[in-house]
C-alpha atoms as a PDB file:
ATOM      1  CA  MET A   1     120.835  51.319  77.038  1.00  0.00           C
ATOM      2  CA  ARG A   2     118.968  54.539  77.637  1.00  0.00           C
ATOM      3  CA  ARG A   3     116.526  54.660  80.523  1.00  0.00           C
ATOM      4  CA  ARG A   4     113.062  56.125  79.928  1.00  0.00           C
ATOM      5  CA  GLU A   5     111.602  58.609  82.366  1.00  0.00           C
ATOM      6  CA  PRO A   6     108.932  57.278  84.707  1.00  0.00           C
ATOM      7  CA  ARG A   7     105.351  57.840  83.649  1.00  0.00           C
ATOM      8  CA  ALA A   8     102.795  59.423  85.923  1.00  0.00           C
ATOM      9  CA  LEU A   9     100.656  56.966  87.878  1.00  0.00           C
ATOM     10  CA  SER A  10      97.536  58.982  86.974  1.00  0.00           C
ATOM     11  CA  HIS A  11      97.650  57.594  83.412  1.00  0.00           C
ATOM     12  CA  ALA A  12      97.560  54.004  84.645  1.00  0.00           C
ATOM     13  CA  VAL A  13      94.789  54.750  87.152  1.00  0.00           C
ATOM     14  CA  ALA A  14      92.664  56.489  84.496  1.00  0.00           C
ATOM     15  CA  ALA A  15      93.108  53.577  82.085  1.00  0.00           C
ATOM     16  CA  LEU A  16      92.159  51.091  84.813  1.00  0.00           C
ATOM     17  CA  ALA A  17      89.084  53.117  85.771  1.00  0.00           C
ATOM     18  CA  ASP A  18      87.958  53.160  82.127  1.00  0.00           C
ATOM     19  CA  ARG A  19      88.346  49.376  81.878  1.00  0.00           C
ATOM     20  CA  LEU A  20      86.473  48.723  85.137  1.00  0.00           C
ATOM     21  CA  ALA A  21      83.612  51.173  84.526  1.00  0.00           C
ATOM     22  CA  PRO A  22      80.338  49.709  83.268  1.00  0.00           C
ATOM     23  CA  GLN A  23      80.187  49.727  79.477  1.00  0.00           C
ATOM     24  CA  THR A  24      76.765  51.365  79.109  1.00  0.00           C
ATOM     25  CA  THR A  25      75.690  54.572  77.435  1.00  0.00           C
ATOM     26  CA  LEU A  26      74.638  55.982  80.820  1.00  0.00           C
ATOM     27  CA  ALA A  27      78.032  55.254  82.383  1.00  0.00           C
ATOM     28  CA  GLU A  28      79.803  56.902  79.475  1.00  0.00           C
ATOM     29  CA  VAL A  29      77.485  59.946  79.618  1.00  0.00           C
ATOM     30  CA  GLN A  30      78.125  60.265  83.359  1.00  0.00           C
ATOM     31  CA  ARG A  31      81.894  60.250  82.727  1.00  0.00           C
ATOM     32  CA  VAL A  32      81.767  63.024  80.105  1.00  0.00           C
ATOM     33  CA  TRP A  33      78.834  65.051  81.512  1.00  0.00           C
ATOM     34  CA  PRO A  34      80.889  67.928  83.065  1.00  0.00           C
ATOM     35  CA  GLU A  35      82.929  68.239  79.873  1.00  0.00           C
ATOM     36  CA  ALA A  36      79.815  68.304  77.679  1.00  0.00           C
ATOM     37  CA  VAL A  37      77.682  70.709  79.740  1.00  0.00           C
ATOM     38  CA  GLY A  38      80.164  72.691  81.827  1.00  0.00           C
ATOM     39  CA  ASP A  39      80.709  72.820  85.579  1.00  0.00           C
ATOM     40  CA  VAL A  40      77.771  75.136  86.350  1.00  0.00           C
ATOM     41  CA  VAL A  41      75.170  72.887  84.714  1.00  0.00           C
ATOM     42  CA  ALA A  42      76.861  69.720  85.995  1.00  0.00           C
ATOM     43  CA  ALA A  43      76.502  71.049  89.556  1.00  0.00           C
ATOM     44  CA  GLN A  44      72.733  71.439  89.087  1.00  0.00           C
ATOM     45  CA  ALA A  45      71.843  68.432  86.928  1.00  0.00           C
ATOM     46  CA  GLU A  46      73.068  64.876  86.565  1.00  0.00           C
ATOM     47  CA  PRO A  47      72.305  62.056  84.154  1.00  0.00           C
ATOM     48  CA  THR A  48      70.437  59.344  86.062  1.00  0.00           C
ATOM     49  CA  GLY A  49      69.013  57.059  83.404  1.00  0.00           C
ATOM     50  CA  GLU A  50      69.117  56.117  79.735  1.00  0.00           C
ATOM     51  CA  ARG A  51      66.802  54.010  77.652  1.00  0.00           C
ATOM     52  CA  ASP A  52      66.694  53.688  73.876  1.00  0.00           C
ATOM     53  CA  GLY A  53      68.689  56.896  73.401  1.00  0.00           C
ATOM     54  CA  VAL A  54      66.561  58.970  75.781  1.00  0.00           C
ATOM     55  CA  LEU A  55      68.708  60.396  78.580  1.00  0.00           C
ATOM     56  CA  THR A  56      66.982  61.184  81.871  1.00  0.00           C
ATOM     57  CA  VAL A  57      68.606  64.112  83.651  1.00  0.00           C
ATOM     58  CA  THR A  58      67.662  64.843  87.264  1.00  0.00           C
ATOM     59  CA  CYS A  59      67.786  68.562  87.993  1.00  0.00           C
ATOM     60  CA  ALA A  60      68.027  70.413  91.301  1.00  0.00           C
ATOM     61  CA  SER A  61      64.913  72.491  90.532  1.00  0.00           C
ATOM     62  CA  SER A  62      62.150  72.915  87.984  1.00  0.00           C
ATOM     63  CA  VAL A  63      63.883  76.072  86.772  1.00  0.00           C
ATOM     64  CA  TRP A  64      66.974  74.040  85.910  1.00  0.00           C
ATOM     65  CA  ALA A  65      64.843  71.349  84.247  1.00  0.00           C
ATOM     66  CA  GLN A  66      63.239  74.006  82.046  1.00  0.00           C
ATOM     67  CA  GLU A  67      66.613  75.572  81.267  1.00  0.00           C
ATOM     68  CA  LEU A  68      68.029  72.205  80.192  1.00  0.00           C
ATOM     69  CA  ASP A  69      64.955  71.605  78.028  1.00  0.00           C
ATOM     70  CA  LEU A  70      65.725  74.879  76.252  1.00  0.00           C
ATOM     71  CA  MET A  71      69.420  74.014  75.969  1.00  0.00           C
ATOM     72  CA  GLY A  72      68.591  70.476  74.802  1.00  0.00           C
ATOM     73  CA  PRO A  73      69.782  70.683  71.182  1.00  0.00           C
ATOM     74  CA  ALA A  74      73.159  72.169  72.171  1.00  0.00           C
ATOM     75  CA  ILE A  75      73.604  69.659  75.009  1.00  0.00           C
ATOM     76  CA  LEU A  76      72.801  66.740  72.692  1.00  0.00           C
ATOM     77  CA  GLU A  77      75.275  68.007  70.116  1.00  0.00           C
ATOM     78  CA  ASN A  78      78.043  68.376  72.723  1.00  0.00           C
ATOM     79  CA  LEU A  79      77.301  64.998  74.310  1.00  0.00           C
ATOM     80  CA  ASN A  80      77.288  63.107  71.038  1.00  0.00           C
ATOM     81  CA  ARG A  81      80.526  64.831  70.028  1.00  0.00           C
ATOM     82  CA  VAL A  82      82.398  63.593  73.110  1.00  0.00           C
ATOM     83  CA  LEU A  83      80.781  60.156  73.486  1.00  0.00           C
ATOM     84  CA  ARG A  84      82.899  57.305  72.172  1.00  0.00           C
ATOM     85  CA  GLY A  85      80.188  54.697  71.823  1.00  0.00           C
ATOM     86  CA  GLY A  86      76.529  55.405  72.436  1.00  0.00           C
ATOM     87  CA  ARG A  87      74.352  58.125  71.045  1.00  0.00           C
ATOM     88  CA  VAL A  88      71.741  60.226  72.819  1.00  0.00           C
ATOM     89  CA  SER A  89      68.716  61.320  70.788  1.00  0.00           C
ATOM     90  CA  ARG A  90      66.635  63.146  73.384  1.00  0.00           C
ATOM     91  CA  LEU A  91      66.786  64.609  76.905  1.00  0.00           C
ATOM     92  CA  ARG A  92      64.123  64.005  79.526  1.00  0.00           C
ATOM     93  CA  CYS A  93      64.590  66.523  82.345  1.00  0.00           C
ATOM     94  CA  VAL A  94      63.016  65.798  85.733  1.00  0.00           C
ATOM     95  CA  THR A  95      63.294  67.327  89.184  1.00  0.00           C
ATOM     96  CA  LEU A  96      63.821  65.717  92.544  1.00  0.00           C
ATOM     97  CA  PRO A  97      60.581  65.218  94.487  1.00  0.00           C
ATOM     98  CA  ALA A  98      60.052  67.684  97.322  1.00  0.00           C
ATOM     99  CA  ARG A  99      61.032  66.354 100.737  1.00  0.00           C
ATOM    100  CA  VAL A 100      58.315  66.373 103.349  1.00  0.00           C
END
């Protein structure tokens, strides 16, 4: 009998994380966000809500919110390409409130 090589533990951990993660459109978007938008945008904006296909993205500044509004069609196309389940039809970009 031939012995198979051991498999990396990272595969099992990734599969377990996928099974344990909430099965919502927002959770799936949050998992694929860096892949869909790139590391630079992901560092400045994060998906924080989803309702009826409208994705709320909280941005670090109003400049980033405006930039994501302009990039909206490309972001939606990339997101919907990598999402397994849900679909996103529109972005709603907001900024964090100023701290007093």
